[in-house]
Amino acid sequence: MSGIFVPSSAIFMIASFLESRGLNTIRTIGYDTHIDNLEYIRKGSIDFAIDQNPFEQGYMGLKILTEYLLLNKTPKPKYNSAINIVTKENVDYFDVADTIEYAV
């Protein structure tokens, strides 16, 4: 096996298992800037994670709905949101605390 893709934020669980077994040659890829995922990226146990920027997605959805309901503004049929690829080289630019402060 040369790699594992986990289509959820739980890639840290796979990384932890592989690390505990000394299986450091298996590449790992997953989603989200979960705090545990960021730590395993820093350690090199996760190769990269795809950050879907959930705060922006939620914000834009509510903004579009509010403009439609209050301003009668017809939304565009399609909205594209950016994604980020988080690697060991750029992991420190993704601060989970920024996301968490909006969750309360």
Protein backbone atom coordinates (compact mmCIF):
# COMPACT_ATOMS: atom_id res chain seq x y z
CA MET A 1 0.00 0.00 0.00
CA SER A 2 1.44 3.38 -0.93
CA GLY A 3 -1.24 5.78 0.30
CA ILE A 4 -4.50 6.33 2.11
CA PHE A 5 -7.14 8.96 1.38
CA VAL A 6 -9.71 9.62 4.10
CA PRO A 7 -12.68 11.69 2.86
CA SER A 8 -13.38 13.18 6.29
CA SER A 9 -11.65 15.16 9.01
CA ALA A 10 -10.62 11.94 10.80
CA ILE A 11 -7.35 11.41 8.92
CA PHE A 12 -5.55 12.04 12.22
CA MET A 13 -6.87 8.68 13.47
CA ILE A 14 -5.25 6.86 10.55
CA ALA A 15 -2.05 8.87 11.00
CA SER A 16 -1.95 7.95 14.68
CA PHE A 17 -2.40 4.26 13.89
CA LEU A 18 0.28 4.28 11.20
CA GLU A 19 2.67 6.20 13.44
CA SER A 20 2.17 3.74 16.31
CA ARG A 21 3.02 0.85 13.97
CA GLY A 22 6.07 2.56 12.45
CA LEU A 23 4.45 2.64 9.00
CA ASN A 24 5.98 5.96 8.00
CA THR A 25 6.23 5.26 4.26
CA ILE A 26 2.47 5.24 3.66
CA ARG A 27 1.26 8.60 2.30
CA THR A 28 -1.85 10.10 3.93
CA ILE A 29 -4.32 12.65 2.63
CA GLY A 30 -7.53 13.92 4.18
CA TYR A 31 -9.84 16.87 4.72
CA ASP A 32 -10.10 19.79 7.13
CA THR A 33 -7.89 21.81 9.42
CA HIS A 34 -8.94 19.95 12.55
CA ILE A 35 -6.45 20.72 15.32
CA ASP A 36 -5.25 17.09 15.45
CA ASN A 37 -4.81 17.02 11.66
CA LEU A 38 -2.61 20.11 11.86
CA GLU A 39 -0.41 18.50 14.51
CA TYR A 40 0.07 15.35 12.42
CA ILE A 41 0.87 17.49 9.37
CA ARG A 42 3.55 19.29 11.43
CA LYS A 43 5.02 15.93 12.45
CA GLY A 44 4.93 14.67 8.86
CA SER A 45 2.47 11.83 9.55
CA ILE A 46 -0.15 13.45 7.29
CA ASP A 47 1.15 14.60 3.91
CA PHE A 48 -1.59 17.14 3.28
CA ALA A 49 -5.15 18.08 4.07
CA ILE A 50 -7.72 19.82 1.93
CA ASP A 51 -9.21 22.79 3.81
CA GLN A 52 -12.70 23.57 2.53
CA ASN A 53 -12.96 26.78 4.57
CA PRO A 54 -16.26 25.88 6.27
CA PHE A 55 -16.63 29.30 7.90
CA GLU A 56 -16.63 31.07 4.54
CA GLN A 57 -19.00 28.51 3.03
CA GLY A 58 -21.49 29.00 5.88
CA TYR A 59 -21.09 32.77 5.82
CA MET A 60 -21.68 33.02 2.08
CA GLY A 61 -24.73 30.74 2.27
CA LEU A 62 -26.32 32.94 4.92
CA LYS A 63 -25.32 36.12 3.09
CA ILE A 64 -26.91 34.92 -0.15
CA LEU A 65 -30.08 33.83 1.68
CA THR A 66 -30.33 37.14 3.58
CA GLU A 67 -29.88 39.19 0.41
CA TYR A 68 -32.55 37.09 -1.31
CA LEU A 69 -35.09 37.37 1.51
CA LEU A 70 -34.50 40.98 2.55
CA LEU A 71 -33.31 42.65 -0.64
CA ASN A 72 -35.04 40.47 -3.27
CA LYS A 73 -31.64 39.93 -4.84
CA THR A 74 -31.67 36.84 -7.06
CA PRO A 75 -28.62 34.69 -6.33
CA LYS A 76 -26.31 33.45 -9.03
CA PRO A 77 -26.99 29.82 -9.93
CA LYS A 78 -23.48 28.80 -8.86
CA TYR A 79 -21.09 29.89 -6.12
CA ASN A 80 -17.47 28.77 -6.16
CA SER A 81 -15.59 28.70 -2.88
CA ALA A 82 -11.85 28.47 -2.51
CA ILE A 83 -10.06 25.52 -1.00
CA ASN A 84 -6.58 25.39 0.46
CA ILE A 85 -4.05 22.60 0.41
CA VAL A 86 -2.40 22.42 3.85
CA THR A 87 1.12 20.99 3.90
CA LYS A 88 4.00 20.86 6.36
CA GLU A 89 5.40 23.98 4.68
CA ASN A 90 2.28 26.14 5.14
CA VAL A 91 0.53 24.53 8.15
CA ASP A 92 1.36 27.41 10.49
CA TYR A 93 -0.76 29.78 8.37
CA PHE A 94 -3.91 27.84 9.30
CA ASP A 95 -4.90 28.85 12.81
CA VAL A 96 -7.76 26.72 14.10
CA ALA A 97 -8.47 29.29 16.82
CA ASP A 98 -9.65 31.72 14.14
CA THR A 99 -12.35 29.23 13.16
CA ILE A 100 -13.28 28.25 16.71
CA GLU A 101 -13.93 31.80 17.90
CA TYR A 102 -16.87 32.06 15.49
CA ALA A 103 -18.36 28.78 16.66
CA VAL A 104 -19.45 30.13 20.05
